[in-house]
Every structure is written in C-alpha cells, then in structure tokens.
Amino acid sequence: MTQEPFTPDIEQIKATSAKFKALFERMDAQILVLDDIIAQLEEENRRSPIYQYRLNKAKRLLNSNVNL
C-alpha cells in the first residue's frame, strides 16, 4: 500500500499567493494609517496642559536630584 506523492496544483498555489500578497499590501496600508493616527494622538497629548505639567514636574524632580 504505497501512496503516490502529492503534486500541488501550481495554479492554485499562484492564486493563493496572489491573495496573500493583496492581503499583506492592505495590512501594510492599514498599519501606515494607524501609525499616522498614533503620531497625531501623541502630538495632541504633548500639547495637553496635564502632559506639560507632568513633564515639567519630572524635569524639576530630575534637576533637584542631580546634587545628591
């Protein structure tokens, strides 16, 4: 009882490969859009008064501990 070796269908492989390529291109585009949204949100956060307060407080804390 010997099994014949499996021979993949080259056309099916090409079709599957093309689908994956298109999928990966869409994923790359979505990642780029999300990266841009993240950058915009981070910039908005940096302009926030609360962020500025916390940043200045951290800088003062670091500057006051330099003389330890």
PDB file of N, CA and C in Angstrom:
ATOM      1  N   MET A   1       0.817  -1.177   0.000  1.00  0.00           N
ATOM      2  CA  MET A   1       0.000   0.000   0.000  1.00  0.00           C
ATOM      3  C   MET A   1       0.874   1.259   0.000  1.00  0.00           C
ATOM      4  N   THR A   2       1.312   1.663  -1.149  1.00  0.00           N
ATOM      5  CA  THR A   2       2.148   2.852  -1.247  1.00  0.00           C
ATOM      6  C   THR A   2       1.298   4.018  -1.716  1.00  0.00           C
ATOM      7  N   GLN A   3       1.585   5.154  -1.140  1.00  0.00           N
ATOM      8  CA  GLN A   3       0.853   6.347  -1.531  1.00  0.00           C
ATOM      9  C   GLN A   3       1.624   7.084  -2.618  1.00  0.00           C
ATOM     10  N   GLU A   4       0.883   7.622  -3.566  1.00  0.00           N
ATOM     11  CA  GLU A   4       1.529   8.413  -4.603  1.00  0.00           C
ATOM     12  C   GLU A   4       1.921   9.756  -4.017  1.00  0.00           C
ATOM     13  N   PRO A   5       3.062  10.291  -4.407  1.00  0.00           N
ATOM     14  CA  PRO A   5       3.464  11.598  -3.867  1.00  0.00           C
ATOM     15  C   PRO A   5       2.472  12.685  -4.296  1.00  0.00           C
ATOM     16  N   PHE A   6       2.237  13.591  -3.384  1.00  0.00           N
ATOM     17  CA  PHE A   6       1.294  14.677  -3.641  1.00  0.00           C
ATOM     18  C   PHE A   6       1.943  15.691  -4.574  1.00  0.00           C
ATOM     19  N   THR A   7       1.242  16.038  -5.626  1.00  0.00           N
ATOM     20  CA  THR A   7       1.724  17.058  -6.550  1.00  0.00           C
ATOM     21  C   THR A   7       0.801  18.269  -6.432  1.00  0.00           C
ATOM     22  N   PRO A   8       1.330  19.378  -5.909  1.00  0.00           N
ATOM     23  CA  PRO A   8       0.467  20.549  -5.737  1.00  0.00           C
ATOM     24  C   PRO A   8       0.073  21.155  -7.084  1.00  0.00           C
ATOM     25  N   ASP A   9      -1.110  21.723  -7.113  1.00  0.00           N
ATOM     26  CA  ASP A   9      -1.603  22.390  -8.315  1.00  0.00           C
ATOM     27  C   ASP A   9      -0.966  23.773  -8.392  1.00  0.00           C
ATOM     28  N   ILE A  10      -0.142  24.005  -9.394  1.00  0.00           N
ATOM     29  CA  ILE A  10       0.612  25.254  -9.493  1.00  0.00           C
ATOM     30  C   ILE A  10      -0.321  26.460  -9.646  1.00  0.00           C
ATOM     31  N   GLU A  11      -1.424  26.288 -10.326  1.00  0.00           N
ATOM     32  CA  GLU A  11      -2.376  27.404 -10.498  1.00  0.00           C
ATOM     33  C   GLU A  11      -3.025  27.778  -9.172  1.00  0.00           C
ATOM     34  N   GLN A  12      -3.328  26.782  -8.372  1.00  0.00           N
ATOM     35  CA  GLN A  12      -3.909  27.054  -7.053  1.00  0.00           C
ATOM     36  C   GLN A  12      -2.884  27.748  -6.159  1.00  0.00           C
ATOM     37  N   ILE A  13      -1.650  27.348  -6.252  1.00  0.00           N
ATOM     38  CA  ILE A  13      -0.587  27.987  -5.474  1.00  0.00           C
ATOM     39  C   ILE A  13      -0.429  29.441  -5.899  1.00  0.00           C
ATOM     40  N   LYS A  14      -0.445  29.701  -7.202  1.00  0.00           N
ATOM     41  CA  LYS A  14      -0.333  31.073  -7.696  1.00  0.00           C
ATOM     42  C   LYS A  14      -1.507  31.924  -7.232  1.00  0.00           C
ATOM     43  N   ALA A  15      -2.721  31.373  -7.267  1.00  0.00           N
ATOM     44  CA  ALA A  15      -3.906  32.114  -6.840  1.00  0.00           C
ATOM     45  C   ALA A  15      -3.834  32.417  -5.347  1.00  0.00           C
ATOM     46  N   THR A  16      -3.438  31.441  -4.559  1.00  0.00           N
ATOM     47  CA  THR A  16      -3.311  31.637  -3.119  1.00  0.00           C
ATOM     48  C   THR A  16      -2.236  32.674  -2.816  1.00  0.00           C
ATOM     49  N   SER A  17      -1.140  32.589  -3.534  1.00  0.00           N
ATOM     50  CA  SER A  17      -0.049  33.551  -3.353  1.00  0.00           C
ATOM     51  C   SER A  17      -0.505  34.967  -3.678  1.00  0.00           C
ATOM     52  N   ALA A  18      -1.264  35.130  -4.747  1.00  0.00           N
ATOM     53  CA  ALA A  18      -1.773  36.452  -5.127  1.00  0.00           C
ATOM     54  C   ALA A  18      -2.726  36.995  -4.067  1.00  0.00           C
ATOM     55  N   LYS A  19      -3.564  36.128  -3.497  1.00  0.00           N
ATOM     56  CA  LYS A  19      -4.481  36.559  -2.435  1.00  0.00           C
ATOM     57  C   LYS A  19      -3.716  37.029  -1.210  1.00  0.00           C
ATOM     58  N   PHE A  20      -2.674  36.278  -0.833  1.00  0.00           N
ATOM     59  CA  PHE A  20      -1.872  36.671   0.319  1.00  0.00           C
ATOM     60  C   PHE A  20      -1.126  37.980   0.065  1.00  0.00           C
ATOM     61  N   LYS A  21      -0.613  38.140  -1.148  1.00  0.00           N
ATOM     62  CA  LYS A  21       0.085  39.380  -1.491  1.00  0.00           C
ATOM     63  C   LYS A  21      -0.856  40.569  -1.356  1.00  0.00           C
ATOM     64  N   ALA A  22      -2.065  40.447  -1.877  1.00  0.00           N
ATOM     65  CA  ALA A  22      -3.047  41.532  -1.772  1.00  0.00           C
ATOM     66  C   ALA A  22      -3.411  41.792  -0.312  1.00  0.00           C
ATOM     67  N   LEU A  23      -3.568  40.721   0.458  1.00  0.00           N
ATOM     68  CA  LEU A  23      -3.892  40.860   1.877  1.00  0.00           C
ATOM     69  C   LEU A  23      -2.780  41.589   2.626  1.00  0.00           C
ATOM     70  N   PHE A  24      -1.539  41.219   2.365  1.00  0.00           N
ATOM     71  CA  PHE A  24      -0.405  41.855   3.042  1.00  0.00           C
ATOM     72  C   PHE A  24      -0.263  43.316   2.641  1.00  0.00           C
ATOM     73  N   GLU A  25      -0.551  43.637   1.391  1.00  0.00           N
ATOM     74  CA  GLU A  25      -0.499  45.032   0.961  1.00  0.00           C
ATOM     75  C   GLU A  25      -1.555  45.862   1.683  1.00  0.00           C
ATOM     76  N   ARG A  26      -2.768  45.305   1.838  1.00  0.00           N
ATOM     77  CA  ARG A  26      -3.823  46.017   2.585  1.00  0.00           C
ATOM     78  C   ARG A  26      -3.434  46.172   4.052  1.00  0.00           C
ATOM     79  N   MET A  27      -2.832  45.128   4.615  1.00  0.00           N
ATOM     80  CA  MET A  27      -2.412  45.206   6.019  1.00  0.00           C
ATOM     81  C   MET A  27      -1.334  46.281   6.191  1.00  0.00           C
ATOM     82  N   ASP A  28      -0.379  46.345   5.261  1.00  0.00           N
ATOM     83  CA  ASP A  28       0.660  47.371   5.323  1.00  0.00           C
ATOM     84  C   ASP A  28       0.049  48.768   5.250  1.00  0.00           C
ATOM     85  N   ALA A  29      -0.947  48.943   4.385  1.00  0.00           N
ATOM     86  CA  ALA A  29      -1.613  50.239   4.263  1.00  0.00           C
ATOM     87  C   ALA A  29      -2.346  50.591   5.558  1.00  0.00           C
ATOM     88  N   GLN A  30      -3.003  49.622   6.168  1.00  0.00           N
ATOM     89  CA  GLN A  30      -3.708  49.872   7.417  1.00  0.00           C
ATOM     90  C   GLN A  30      -2.731  50.210   8.542  1.00  0.00           C
ATOM     91  N   ILE A  31      -1.610  49.542   8.575  1.00  0.00           N
ATOM     92  CA  ILE A  31      -0.590  49.827   9.592  1.00  0.00           C
ATOM     93  C   ILE A  31      -0.072  51.246   9.426  1.00  0.00           C
ATOM     94  N   LEU A  32       0.152  51.665   8.187  1.00  0.00           N
ATOM     95  CA  LEU A  32       0.623  53.021   7.927  1.00  0.00           C
ATOM     96  C   LEU A  32      -0.394  54.057   8.408  1.00  0.00           C
ATOM     97  N   VAL A  33      -1.671  53.816   8.135  1.00  0.00           N
ATOM     98  CA  VAL A  33      -2.720  54.738   8.587  1.00  0.00           C
ATOM     99  C   VAL A  33      -2.759  54.770  10.116  1.00  0.00           C
ATOM    100  N   LEU A  34      -2.674  53.614  10.749  1.00  0.00           N
ATOM    101  CA  LEU A  34      -2.687  53.568  12.219  1.00  0.00           C
ATOM    102  C   LEU A  34      -1.464  54.271  12.806  1.00  0.00           C
ATOM    103  N   ASP A  35      -0.304  54.102  12.204  1.00  0.00           N
ATOM    104  CA  ASP A  35       0.899  54.801  12.674  1.00  0.00           C
ATOM    105  C   ASP A  35       0.700  56.310  12.612  1.00  0.00           C
ATOM    106  N   ASP A  36       0.058  56.781  11.556  1.00  0.00           N
ATOM    107  CA  ASP A  36      -0.201  58.211  11.424  1.00  0.00           C
ATOM    108  C   ASP A  36      -1.176  58.689  12.500  1.00  0.00           C
ATOM    109  N   ILE A  37      -2.205  57.917  12.761  1.00  0.00           N
ATOM    110  CA  ILE A  37      -3.173  58.277  13.807  1.00  0.00           C
ATOM    111  C   ILE A  37      -2.481  58.323  15.166  1.00  0.00           C
ATOM    112  N   ILE A  38      -1.631  57.349  15.436  1.00  0.00           N
ATOM    113  CA  ILE A  38      -0.891  57.321  16.706  1.00  0.00           C
ATOM    114  C   ILE A  38      -0.015  58.559  16.835  1.00  0.00           C
ATOM    115  N   ALA A  39       0.668  58.929  15.751  1.00  0.00           N
ATOM    116  CA  ALA A  39       1.530  60.113  15.784  1.00  0.00           C
ATOM    117  C   ALA A  39       0.712  61.375  16.051  1.00  0.00           C
ATOM    118  N   GLN A  40      -0.460  61.468  15.447  1.00  0.00           N
ATOM    119  CA  GLN A  40      -1.319  62.626  15.681  1.00  0.00           C
ATOM    120  C   GLN A  40      -1.779  62.685  17.136  1.00  0.00           C
ATOM    121  N   LEU A  41      -2.160  61.542  17.681  1.00  0.00           N
ATOM    122  CA  LEU A  41      -2.597  61.498  19.081  1.00  0.00           C
ATOM    123  C   LEU A  41      -1.457  61.846  20.038  1.00  0.00           C
ATOM    124  N   GLU A  42      -0.259  61.347  19.740  1.00  0.00           N
ATOM    125  CA  GLU A  42       0.881  61.669  20.596  1.00  0.00           C
ATOM    126  C   GLU A  42       1.181  63.168  20.564  1.00  0.00           C
ATOM    127  N   GLU A  43       1.079  63.777  19.391  1.00  0.00           N
ATOM    128  CA  GLU A  43       1.301  65.221  19.279  1.00  0.00           C
ATOM    129  C   GLU A  43       0.231  65.982  20.059  1.00  0.00           C
ATOM    130  N   GLU A  44      -1.007  65.525  19.955  1.00  0.00           N
ATOM    131  CA  GLU A  44      -2.086  66.167  20.699  1.00  0.00           C
ATOM    132  C   GLU A  44      -1.854  66.031  22.205  1.00  0.00           C
ATOM    133  N   ASN A  45      -1.387  64.876  22.632  1.00  0.00           N
ATOM    134  CA  ASN A  45      -1.103  64.662  24.054  1.00  0.00           C
ATOM    135  C   ASN A  45       0.016  65.584  24.536  1.00  0.00           C
ATOM    136  N   ARG A  46       1.039  65.787  23.696  1.00  0.00           N
ATOM    137  CA  ARG A  46       2.149  66.657  24.089  1.00  0.00           C
ATOM    138  C   ARG A  46       1.688  68.092  24.309  1.00  0.00           C
ATOM    139  N   ARG A  47       0.643  68.500  23.617  1.00  0.00           N
ATOM    140  CA  ARG A  47       0.120  69.861  23.787  1.00  0.00           C
ATOM    141  C   ARG A  47      -0.828  69.972  24.984  1.00  0.00           C
ATOM    142  N   SER A  48      -1.168  68.863  25.576  1.00  0.00           N
ATOM    143  CA  SER A  48      -2.102  68.850  26.702  1.00  0.00           C
ATOM    144  C   SER A  48      -1.479  69.534  27.922  1.00  0.00           C
ATOM    145  N   PRO A  49      -2.251  70.388  28.607  1.00  0.00           N
ATOM    146  CA  PRO A  49      -1.731  71.034  29.817  1.00  0.00           C
ATOM    147  C   PRO A  49      -1.323  70.024  30.896  1.00  0.00           C
ATOM    148  N   ILE A  50      -2.048  68.951  31.001  1.00  0.00           N
ATOM    149  CA  ILE A  50      -1.712  67.932  32.008  1.00  0.00           C
ATOM    150  C   ILE A  50      -0.368  67.299  31.675  1.00  0.00           C
ATOM    151  N   TYR A  51      -0.140  66.990  30.409  1.00  0.00           N
ATOM    152  CA  TYR A  51       1.134  66.421  29.997  1.00  0.00           C
ATOM    153  C   TYR A  51       2.265  67.405  30.272  1.00  0.00           C
ATOM    154  N   GLN A  52       2.068  68.651  29.921  1.00  0.00           N
ATOM    155  CA  GLN A  52       3.093  69.670  30.144  1.00  0.00           C
ATOM    156  C   GLN A  52       3.404  69.793  31.637  1.00  0.00           C
ATOM    157  N   TYR A  53       2.372  69.772  32.461  1.00  0.00           N
ATOM    158  CA  TYR A  53       2.562  69.852  33.910  1.00  0.00           C
ATOM    159  C   TYR A  53       3.402  68.673  34.406  1.00  0.00           C
ATOM    160  N   ARG A  54       3.022  67.471  33.976  1.00  0.00           N
ATOM    161  CA  ARG A  54       3.746  66.272  34.425  1.00  0.00           C
ATOM    162  C   ARG A  54       5.190  66.270  33.921  1.00  0.00           C
ATOM    163  N   LEU A  55       5.397  66.707  32.690  1.00  0.00           N
ATOM    164  CA  LEU A  55       6.741  66.762  32.128  1.00  0.00           C
ATOM    165  C   LEU A  55       7.605  67.754  32.900  1.00  0.00           C
ATOM    166  N   ASN A  56       7.075  68.931  33.180  1.00  0.00           N
ATOM    167  CA  ASN A  56       7.829  69.925  33.941  1.00  0.00           C
ATOM    168  C   ASN A  56       8.117  69.443  35.356  1.00  0.00           C
ATOM    169  N   LYS A  57       7.142  68.773  35.954  1.00  0.00           N
ATOM    170  CA  LYS A  57       7.345  68.227  37.296  1.00  0.00           C
ATOM    171  C   LYS A  57       8.464  67.179  37.280  1.00  0.00           C
ATOM    172  N   ALA A  58       8.476  66.328  36.262  1.00  0.00           N
ATOM    173  CA  ALA A  58       9.516  65.298  36.146  1.00  0.00           C
ATOM    174  C   ALA A  58      10.887  65.941  35.952  1.00  0.00           C
ATOM    175  N   LYS A  59      10.941  66.981  35.134  1.00  0.00           N
ATOM    176  CA  LYS A  59      12.222  67.663  34.903  1.00  0.00           C
ATOM    177  C   LYS A  59      12.725  68.314  36.187  1.00  0.00           C
ATOM    178  N   ARG A  60      11.821  68.952  36.927  1.00  0.00           N
ATOM    179  CA  ARG A  60      12.222  69.571  38.201  1.00  0.00           C
ATOM    180  C   ARG A  60      12.729  68.514  39.171  1.00  0.00           C
ATOM    181  N   LEU A  61      12.059  67.378  39.197  1.00  0.00           N
ATOM    182  CA  LEU A  61      12.468  66.296  40.091  1.00  0.00           C
ATOM    183  C   LEU A  61      13.858  65.791  39.712  1.00  0.00           C
ATOM    184  N   LEU A  62      14.093  65.608  38.423  1.00  0.00           N
ATOM    185  CA  LEU A  62      15.409  65.142  37.983  1.00  0.00           C
ATOM    186  C   LEU A  62      16.489  66.172  38.269  1.00  0.00           C
ATOM    187  N   ASN A  63      16.189  67.436  38.047  1.00  0.00           N
ATOM    188  CA  ASN A  63      17.173  68.502  38.307  1.00  0.00           C
ATOM    189  C   ASN A  63      17.479  68.651  39.793  1.00  0.00           C
ATOM    190  N   SER A  64      16.482  68.419  40.635  1.00  0.00           N
ATOM    191  CA  SER A  64      16.718  68.566  42.066  1.00  0.00           C
ATOM    192  C   SER A  64      17.523  67.393  42.625  1.00  0.00           C
ATOM    193  N   ASN A  65      17.512  66.251  41.973  1.00  0.00           N
ATOM    194  CA  ASN A  65      18.247  65.073  42.443  1.00  0.00           C
ATOM    195  C   ASN A  65      19.668  64.998  41.875  1.00  0.00           C
ATOM    196  N   VAL A  66      20.035  65.920  41.020  1.00  0.00           N
ATOM    197  CA  VAL A  66      21.376  65.901  40.429  1.00  0.00           C
ATOM    198  C   VAL A  66      22.423  66.144  41.506  1.00  0.00           C
ATOM    199  N   ASN A  67      22.120  66.932  42.506  1.00  0.00           N
ATOM    200  CA  ASN A  67      23.073  67.299  43.540  1.00  0.00           C
ATOM    201  C   ASN A  67      23.202  66.271  44.657  1.00  0.00           C
ATOM    202  N   LEU A  68      22.612  65.119  44.503  1.00  0.00           N
ATOM    203  CA  LEU A  68      22.664  64.118  45.578  1.00  0.00           C
ATOM    204  C   LEU A  68      24.034  63.569  45.801  1.00  0.00           C
TER     205      LEU A  68
END
